[in-house]
Amino acid sequence: MTLADLPVGTCSEILGLDTANPAAFRLLDLGFVPGTPVTVIRRAPMGGPAEVMIRGYRLGLRRDEATLVQIVAPREKKSRKRR
């Protein structure tokens, strides 16, 4: 799963980057390193850029840049019944 697939308002953890693309090295410089939590804040319509929160700052990423970031698939929260 990539950061481009992460739903708005969901937090996940970075697994790695596709370093075959030179843009991945710029993302590494910006703090997109394995183990770092990242949250999608909002997305522009029609496949436009996404605003993400990483390391305490917000950053706009194009969809093609977001596809370079592999993330852990978020788990659905299970509701617990109180007894």
PDB file of N, CA and C in Angstrom:
ATOM      1  N   MET A   1       0.846  -1.173   0.000  1.00  0.00           N
ATOM      2  CA  MET A   1       0.000   0.000   0.000  1.00  0.00           C
ATOM      3  C   MET A   1       0.897   1.243   0.000  1.00  0.00           C
ATOM      4  N   THR A   2       0.454   2.278  -0.688  1.00  0.00           N
ATOM      5  CA  THR A   2       1.241   3.506  -0.750  1.00  0.00           C
ATOM      6  C   THR A   2       0.506   4.658  -0.062  1.00  0.00           C
ATOM      7  N   LEU A   3       1.206   5.732   0.156  1.00  0.00           N
ATOM      8  CA  LEU A   3       0.619   6.901   0.791  1.00  0.00           C
ATOM      9  C   LEU A   3      -0.518   7.478  -0.052  1.00  0.00           C
ATOM     10  N   ALA A   4      -0.473   7.282  -1.358  1.00  0.00           N
ATOM     11  CA  ALA A   4      -1.539   7.763  -2.233  1.00  0.00           C
ATOM     12  C   ALA A   4      -2.853   7.032  -1.969  1.00  0.00           C
ATOM     13  N   ASP A   5      -2.809   5.834  -1.388  1.00  0.00           N
ATOM     14  CA  ASP A   5      -4.001   5.031  -1.115  1.00  0.00           C
ATOM     15  C   ASP A   5      -4.573   5.263   0.282  1.00  0.00           C
ATOM     16  N   LEU A   6      -3.861   5.970   1.136  1.00  0.00           N
ATOM     17  CA  LEU A   6      -4.283   6.163   2.522  1.00  0.00           C
ATOM     18  C   LEU A   6      -5.472   7.124   2.586  1.00  0.00           C
ATOM     19  N   PRO A   7      -6.566   6.717   3.240  1.00  0.00           N
ATOM     20  CA  PRO A   7      -7.736   7.602   3.337  1.00  0.00           C
ATOM     21  C   PRO A   7      -7.460   8.845   4.178  1.00  0.00           C
ATOM     22  N   VAL A   8      -8.197   9.902   3.904  1.00  0.00           N
ATOM     23  CA  VAL A   8      -8.070  11.156   4.647  1.00  0.00           C
ATOM     24  C   VAL A   8      -8.383  10.912   6.123  1.00  0.00           C
ATOM     25  N   GLY A   9      -7.567  11.489   6.994  1.00  0.00           N
ATOM     26  CA  GLY A   9      -7.764  11.365   8.432  1.00  0.00           C
ATOM     27  C   GLY A   9      -7.161  10.115   9.045  1.00  0.00           C
ATOM     28  N   THR A  10      -6.497   9.313   8.242  1.00  0.00           N
ATOM     29  CA  THR A  10      -5.914   8.058   8.711  1.00  0.00           C
ATOM     30  C   THR A  10      -4.414   8.212   8.910  1.00  0.00           C
ATOM     31  N   CYS A  11      -3.911   7.623   9.986  1.00  0.00           N
ATOM     32  CA  CYS A  11      -2.486   7.641  10.287  1.00  0.00           C
ATOM     33  C   CYS A  11      -1.893   6.270   9.985  1.00  0.00           C
ATOM     34  N   SER A  12      -0.690   6.254   9.491  1.00  0.00           N
ATOM     35  CA  SER A  12       0.010   5.005   9.213  1.00  0.00           C
ATOM     36  C   SER A  12       1.498   5.217   9.461  1.00  0.00           C
ATOM     37  N   GLU A  13       2.262   4.162   9.220  1.00  0.00           N
ATOM     38  CA  GLU A  13       3.708   4.215   9.418  1.00  0.00           C
ATOM     39  C   GLU A  13       4.402   3.933   8.099  1.00  0.00           C
ATOM     40  N   ILE A  14       5.478   4.643   7.835  1.00  0.00           N
ATOM     41  CA  ILE A  14       6.221   4.475   6.588  1.00  0.00           C
ATOM     42  C   ILE A  14       7.057   3.202   6.651  1.00  0.00           C
ATOM     43  N   LEU A  15       6.950   2.387   5.595  1.00  0.00           N
ATOM     44  CA  LEU A  15       7.762   1.174   5.469  1.00  0.00           C
ATOM     45  C   LEU A  15       9.041   1.434   4.688  1.00  0.00           C
ATOM     46  N   GLY A  16       8.932   2.217   3.627  1.00  0.00           N
ATOM     47  CA  GLY A  16      10.097   2.488   2.787  1.00  0.00           C
ATOM     48  C   GLY A  16       9.705   3.349   1.605  1.00  0.00           C
ATOM     49  N   LEU A  17      10.681   3.638   0.752  1.00  0.00           N
ATOM     50  CA  LEU A  17      10.446   4.443  -0.439  1.00  0.00           C
ATOM     51  C   LEU A  17      10.967   3.716  -1.671  1.00  0.00           C
ATOM     52  N   ASP A  18      10.353   4.007  -2.807  1.00  0.00           N
ATOM     53  CA  ASP A  18      10.780   3.448  -4.082  1.00  0.00           C
ATOM     54  C   ASP A  18      11.940   4.292  -4.597  1.00  0.00           C
ATOM     55  N   THR A  19      13.150   3.876  -4.275  1.00  0.00           N
ATOM     56  CA  THR A  19      14.332   4.679  -4.607  1.00  0.00           C
ATOM     57  C   THR A  19      14.764   4.571  -6.071  1.00  0.00           C
ATOM     58  N   ALA A  20      13.977   3.860  -6.889  1.00  0.00           N
ATOM     59  CA  ALA A  20      14.262   3.844  -8.318  1.00  0.00           C
ATOM     60  C   ALA A  20      13.964   5.222  -8.926  1.00  0.00           C
ATOM     61  N   ASN A  21      13.122   5.995  -8.260  1.00  0.00           N
ATOM     62  CA  ASN A  21      12.784   7.335  -8.714  1.00  0.00           C
ATOM     63  C   ASN A  21      13.631   8.343  -7.930  1.00  0.00           C
ATOM     64  N   PRO A  22      14.304   9.275  -8.605  1.00  0.00           N
ATOM     65  CA  PRO A  22      15.150  10.250  -7.902  1.00  0.00           C
ATOM     66  C   PRO A  22      14.386  11.134  -6.913  1.00  0.00           C
ATOM     67  N   ALA A  23      13.079  11.323  -7.107  1.00  0.00           N
ATOM     68  CA  ALA A  23      12.286  12.149  -6.191  1.00  0.00           C
ATOM     69  C   ALA A  23      12.220  11.524  -4.798  1.00  0.00           C
ATOM     70  N   ALA A  24      12.414  10.220  -4.694  1.00  0.00           N
ATOM     71  CA  ALA A  24      12.378   9.545  -3.396  1.00  0.00           C
ATOM     72  C   ALA A  24      13.488  10.050  -2.474  1.00  0.00           C
ATOM     73  N   PHE A  25      14.609  10.420  -3.025  1.00  0.00           N
ATOM     74  CA  PHE A  25      15.709  10.906  -2.197  1.00  0.00           C
ATOM     75  C   PHE A  25      15.383  12.276  -1.600  1.00  0.00           C
ATOM     76  N   ARG A  26      14.615  13.075  -2.318  1.00  0.00           N
ATOM     77  CA  ARG A  26      14.159  14.365  -1.769  1.00  0.00           C
ATOM     78  C   ARG A  26      13.179  14.116  -0.626  1.00  0.00           C
ATOM     79  N   LEU A  27      12.311  13.112  -0.779  1.00  0.00           N
ATOM     80  CA  LEU A  27      11.376  12.772   0.293  1.00  0.00           C
ATOM     81  C   LEU A  27      12.128  12.288   1.536  1.00  0.00           C
ATOM     82  N   LEU A  28      13.194  11.534   1.337  1.00  0.00           N
ATOM     83  CA  LEU A  28      14.025  11.116   2.474  1.00  0.00           C
ATOM     84  C   LEU A  28      14.593  12.333   3.201  1.00  0.00           C
ATOM     85  N   ASP A  29      15.046  13.325   2.439  1.00  0.00           N
ATOM     86  CA  ASP A  29      15.572  14.562   3.027  1.00  0.00           C
ATOM     87  C   ASP A  29      14.509  15.305   3.830  1.00  0.00           C
ATOM     88  N   LEU A  30      13.238  15.163   3.420  1.00  0.00           N
ATOM     89  CA  LEU A  30      12.136  15.839   4.099  1.00  0.00           C
ATOM     90  C   LEU A  30      11.631  15.076   5.320  1.00  0.00           C
ATOM     91  N   GLY A  31      12.208  13.903   5.600  1.00  0.00           N
ATOM     92  CA  GLY A  31      11.834  13.163   6.802  1.00  0.00           C
ATOM     93  C   GLY A  31      10.992  11.929   6.575  1.00  0.00           C
ATOM     94  N   PHE A  32      10.773  11.532   5.335  1.00  0.00           N
ATOM     95  CA  PHE A  32       9.998  10.332   5.028  1.00  0.00           C
ATOM     96  C   PHE A  32      10.891   9.104   5.159  1.00  0.00           C
ATOM     97  N   VAL A  33      11.218   8.753   6.388  1.00  0.00           N
ATOM     98  CA  VAL A  33      12.089   7.607   6.652  1.00  0.00           C
ATOM     99  C   VAL A  33      11.266   6.477   7.271  1.00  0.00           C
ATOM    100  N   PRO A  34      11.691   5.231   7.082  1.00  0.00           N
ATOM    101  CA  PRO A  34      10.950   4.099   7.643  1.00  0.00           C
ATOM    102  C   PRO A  34      10.741   4.238   9.151  1.00  0.00           C
ATOM    103  N   GLY A  35       9.518   3.901   9.574  1.00  0.00           N
ATOM    104  CA  GLY A  35       9.164   3.960  10.984  1.00  0.00           C
ATOM    105  C   GLY A  35       8.506   5.260  11.407  1.00  0.00           C
ATOM    106  N   THR A  36       8.470   6.242  10.516  1.00  0.00           N
ATOM    107  CA  THR A  36       7.887   7.540  10.847  1.00  0.00           C
ATOM    108  C   THR A  36       6.376   7.528  10.620  1.00  0.00           C
ATOM    109  N   PRO A  37       5.587   7.997  11.593  1.00  0.00           N
ATOM    110  CA  PRO A  37       4.140   8.081  11.374  1.00  0.00           C
ATOM    111  C   PRO A  37       3.801   9.221  10.420  1.00  0.00           C
ATOM    112  N   VAL A  38       2.779   9.011   9.604  1.00  0.00           N
ATOM    113  CA  VAL A  38       2.324  10.010   8.638  1.00  0.00           C
ATOM    114  C   VAL A  38       0.792   9.957   8.587  1.00  0.00           C
ATOM    115  N   THR A  39       0.159  11.136   8.484  1.00  0.00           N
ATOM    116  CA  THR A  39      -1.294  11.248   8.436  1.00  0.00           C
ATOM    117  C   THR A  39      -1.694  12.080   7.234  1.00  0.00           C
ATOM    118  N   VAL A  40      -2.730  11.632   6.514  1.00  0.00           N
ATOM    119  CA  VAL A  40      -3.275  12.420   5.415  1.00  0.00           C
ATOM    120  C   VAL A  40      -4.308  13.370   6.011  1.00  0.00           C
ATOM    121  N   ILE A  41      -4.098  14.671   5.857  1.00  0.00           N
ATOM    122  CA  ILE A  41      -4.987  15.692   6.403  1.00  0.00           C
ATOM    123  C   ILE A  41      -6.150  15.951   5.450  1.00  0.00           C
ATOM    124  N   ARG A  42      -5.843  16.178   4.176  1.00  0.00           N
ATOM    125  CA  ARG A  42      -6.886  16.401   3.171  1.00  0.00           C
ATOM    126  C   ARG A  42      -6.307  16.196   1.781  1.00  0.00           C
ATOM    127  N   ARG A  43      -7.202  16.063   0.813  1.00  0.00           N
ATOM    128  CA  ARG A  43      -6.807  15.879  -0.584  1.00  0.00           C
ATOM    129  C   ARG A  43      -7.544  16.886  -1.452  1.00  0.00           C
ATOM    130  N   ALA A  44      -6.879  17.331  -2.494  1.00  0.00           N
ATOM    131  CA  ALA A  44      -7.524  18.186  -3.481  1.00  0.00           C
ATOM    132  C   ALA A  44      -8.389  17.304  -4.386  1.00  0.00           C
ATOM    133  N   PRO A  45      -9.454  17.852  -4.937  1.00  0.00           N
ATOM    134  CA  PRO A  45     -10.306  17.045  -5.817  1.00  0.00           C
ATOM    135  C   PRO A  45      -9.612  16.688  -7.129  1.00  0.00           C
ATOM    136  N   MET A  46     -10.155  15.686  -7.797  1.00  0.00           N
ATOM    137  CA  MET A  46      -9.708  15.272  -9.131  1.00  0.00           C
ATOM    138  C   MET A  46      -8.272  14.751  -9.143  1.00  0.00           C
ATOM    139  N   GLY A  47      -7.839  14.091  -8.072  1.00  0.00           N
ATOM    140  CA  GLY A  47      -6.502  13.504  -8.038  1.00  0.00           C
ATOM    141  C   GLY A  47      -5.380  14.501  -7.831  1.00  0.00           C
ATOM    142  N   GLY A  48      -5.715  15.649  -7.262  1.00  0.00           N
ATOM    143  CA  GLY A  48      -4.709  16.675  -7.003  1.00  0.00           C
ATOM    144  C   GLY A  48      -3.833  16.314  -5.818  1.00  0.00           C
ATOM    145  N   PRO A  49      -3.045  17.270  -5.342  1.00  0.00           N
ATOM    146  CA  PRO A  49      -2.127  17.001  -4.237  1.00  0.00           C
ATOM    147  C   PRO A  49      -2.847  16.690  -2.926  1.00  0.00           C
ATOM    148  N   ALA A  50      -2.109  16.057  -2.025  1.00  0.00           N
ATOM    149  CA  ALA A  50      -2.615  15.745  -0.686  1.00  0.00           C
ATOM    150  C   ALA A  50      -1.777  16.507   0.328  1.00  0.00           C
ATOM    151  N   GLU A  51      -2.428  16.923   1.405  1.00  0.00           N
ATOM    152  CA  GLU A  51      -1.716  17.540   2.507  1.00  0.00           C
ATOM    153  C   GLU A  51      -1.489  16.465   3.561  1.00  0.00           C
ATOM    154  N   VAL A  52      -0.230  16.263   3.945  1.00  0.00           N
ATOM    155  CA  VAL A  52       0.106  15.243   4.934  1.00  0.00           C
ATOM    156  C   VAL A  52       0.799  15.882   6.124  1.00  0.00           C
ATOM    157  N   MET A  53       0.652  15.227   7.275  1.00  0.00           N
ATOM    158  CA  MET A  53       1.330  15.664   8.499  1.00  0.00           C
ATOM    159  C   MET A  53       2.408  14.641   8.799  1.00  0.00           C
ATOM    160  N   ILE A  54       3.652  15.123   8.898  1.00  0.00           N
ATOM    161  CA  ILE A  54       4.779  14.248   9.204  1.00  0.00           C
ATOM    162  C   ILE A  54       5.783  15.044  10.048  1.00  0.00           C
ATOM    163  N   ARG A  55       6.223  14.444  11.127  1.00  0.00           N
ATOM    164  CA  ARG A  55       7.230  15.054  12.011  1.00  0.00           C
ATOM    165  C   ARG A  55       6.850  16.456  12.482  1.00  0.00           C
ATOM    166  N   GLY A  56       5.544  16.690  12.701  1.00  0.00           N
ATOM    167  CA  GLY A  56       5.095  17.964  13.240  1.00  0.00           C
ATOM    168  C   GLY A  56       4.888  19.071  12.234  1.00  0.00           C
ATOM    169  N   TYR A  57       5.033  18.802  10.946  1.00  0.00           N
ATOM    170  CA  TYR A  57       4.769  19.835   9.955  1.00  0.00           C
ATOM    171  C   TYR A  57       3.879  19.275   8.852  1.00  0.00           C
ATOM    172  N   ARG A  58       3.230  20.187   8.135  1.00  0.00           N
ATOM    173  CA  ARG A  58       2.337  19.799   7.039  1.00  0.00           C
ATOM    174  C   ARG A  58       3.041  20.048   5.715  1.00  0.00           C
ATOM    175  N   LEU A  59       2.773  19.136   4.789  1.00  0.00           N
ATOM    176  CA  LEU A  59       3.463  19.175   3.508  1.00  0.00           C
ATOM    177  C   LEU A  59       2.495  18.766   2.408  1.00  0.00           C
ATOM    178  N   GLY A  60       2.546  19.442   1.283  1.00  0.00           N
ATOM    179  CA  GLY A  60       1.734  19.063   0.128  1.00  0.00           C
ATOM    180  C   GLY A  60       2.524  18.120  -0.772  1.00  0.00           C
ATOM    181  N   LEU A  61       1.889  16.999  -1.139  1.00  0.00           N
ATOM    182  CA  LEU A  61       2.535  16.008  -2.018  1.00  0.00           C
ATOM    183  C   LEU A  61       1.677  15.736  -3.239  1.00  0.00           C
ATOM    184  N   ARG A  62       2.303  15.740  -4.394  1.00  0.00           N
ATOM    185  CA  ARG A  62       1.598  15.316  -5.607  1.00  0.00           C
ATOM    186  C   ARG A  62       1.316  13.825  -5.521  1.00  0.00           C
ATOM    187  N   ARG A  63       0.329  13.374  -6.264  1.00  0.00           N
ATOM    188  CA  ARG A  63      -0.043  11.955  -6.241  1.00  0.00           C
ATOM    189  C   ARG A  63       1.134  11.072  -6.669  1.00  0.00           C
ATOM    190  N   ASP A  64       1.888  11.470  -7.685  1.00  0.00           N
ATOM    191  CA  ASP A  64       3.011  10.649  -8.146  1.00  0.00           C
ATOM    192  C   ASP A  64       4.114  10.569  -7.093  1.00  0.00           C
ATOM    193  N   GLU A  65       4.261  11.600  -6.275  1.00  0.00           N
ATOM    194  CA  GLU A  65       5.232  11.544  -5.174  1.00  0.00           C
ATOM    195  C   GLU A  65       4.726  10.644  -4.050  1.00  0.00           C
ATOM    196  N   ALA A  66       3.420  10.718  -3.773  1.00  0.00           N
ATOM    197  CA  ALA A  66       2.829   9.901  -2.705  1.00  0.00           C
ATOM    198  C   ALA A  66       2.892   8.410  -3.038  1.00  0.00           C
ATOM    199  N   THR A  67       2.899   8.064  -4.323  1.00  0.00           N
ATOM    200  CA  THR A  67       2.975   6.644  -4.701  1.00  0.00           C
ATOM    201  C   THR A  67       4.373   6.059  -4.458  1.00  0.00           C
ATOM    202  N   LEU A  68       5.363   6.906  -4.211  1.00  0.00           N
ATOM    203  CA  LEU A  68       6.713   6.427  -3.934  1.00  0.00           C
ATOM    204  C   LEU A  68       6.882   5.959  -2.487  1.00  0.00           C
ATOM    205  N   VAL A  69       5.932   6.329  -1.618  1.00  0.00           N
ATOM    206  CA  VAL A  69       6.033   6.044  -0.179  1.00  0.00           C
ATOM    207  C   VAL A  69       5.189   4.819   0.163  1.00  0.00           C
ATOM    208  N   GLN A  70       5.854   3.711   0.523  1.00  0.00           N
ATOM    209  CA  GLN A  70       5.135   2.512   0.966  1.00  0.00           C
ATOM    210  C   GLN A  70       4.829   2.652   2.449  1.00  0.00           C
ATOM    211  N   ILE A  71       3.584   2.278   2.819  1.00  0.00           N
ATOM    212  CA  ILE A  71       3.157   2.404   4.210  1.00  0.00           C
ATOM    213  C   ILE A  71       2.572   1.090   4.709  1.00  0.00           C
ATOM    214  N   VAL A  72       2.451   0.998   6.019  1.00  0.00           N
ATOM    215  CA  VAL A  72       1.785  -0.135   6.649  1.00  0.00           C
ATOM    216  C   VAL A  72       0.293   0.041   6.422  1.00  0.00           C
ATOM    217  N   ALA A  73      -0.394  -1.006   6.019  1.00  0.00           N
ATOM    218  CA  ALA A  73      -1.839  -0.934   5.827  1.00  0.00           C
ATOM    219  C   ALA A  73      -2.506  -0.669   7.176  1.00  0.00           C
ATOM    220  N   PRO A  74      -3.320   0.398   7.268  1.00  0.00           N
ATOM    221  CA  PRO A  74      -3.952   0.702   8.554  1.00  0.00           C
ATOM    222  C   PRO A  74      -4.992  -0.353   8.911  1.00  0.00           C
ATOM    223  N   ARG A  75      -5.083  -0.659  10.189  1.00  0.00           N
ATOM    224  CA  ARG A  75      -6.063  -1.636  10.653  1.00  0.00           C
ATOM    225  C   ARG A  75      -7.349  -0.922  11.010  1.00  0.00           C
ATOM    226  N   GLU A  76      -8.455  -1.588  10.764  1.00  0.00           N
ATOM    227  CA  GLU A  76      -9.740  -1.015  11.165  1.00  0.00           C
ATOM    228  C   GLU A  76      -9.869  -1.128  12.668  1.00  0.00           C
ATOM    229  N   LYS A  77     -10.381  -0.083  13.265  1.00  0.00           N
ATOM    230  CA  LYS A  77     -10.573  -0.106  14.705  1.00  0.00           C
ATOM    231  C   LYS A  77     -11.791  -0.951  15.029  1.00  0.00           C
ATOM    232  N   LYS A  78     -11.619  -1.874  15.949  1.00  0.00           N
ATOM    233  CA  LYS A  78     -12.717  -2.718  16.370  1.00  0.00           C
ATOM    234  C   LYS A  78     -13.378  -2.072  17.584  1.00  0.00           C
ATOM    235  N   SER A  79     -14.680  -2.026  17.554  1.00  0.00           N
ATOM    236  CA  SER A  79     -15.371  -1.462  18.711  1.00  0.00           C
ATOM    237  C   SER A  79     -15.480  -2.513  19.802  1.00  0.00           C
ATOM    238  N   ARG A  80     -15.258  -2.078  21.007  1.00  0.00           N
ATOM    239  CA  ARG A  80     -15.346  -2.989  22.133  1.00  0.00           C
ATOM    240  C   ARG A  80     -16.668  -2.779  22.842  1.00  0.00           C
ATOM    241  N   LYS A  81     -17.297  -3.874  23.191  1.00  0.00           N
ATOM    242  CA  LYS A  81     -18.542  -3.793  23.926  1.00  0.00           C
ATOM    243  C   LYS A  81     -18.239  -3.783  25.415  1.00  0.00           C
ATOM    244  N   ARG A  82     -18.898  -2.884  26.111  1.00  0.00           N
ATOM    245  CA  ARG A  82     -18.731  -2.855  27.565  1.00  0.00           C
ATOM    246  C   ARG A  82     -19.734  -3.794  28.190  1.00  0.00           C
ATOM    247  N   ARG A  83     -19.293  -4.420  29.241  1.00  0.00           N
ATOM    248  CA  ARG A  83     -20.186  -5.349  29.933  1.00  0.00           C
ATOM    249  C   ARG A  83     -20.796  -4.703  31.134  1.00  0.00           C
TER     250      ARG A  83
END
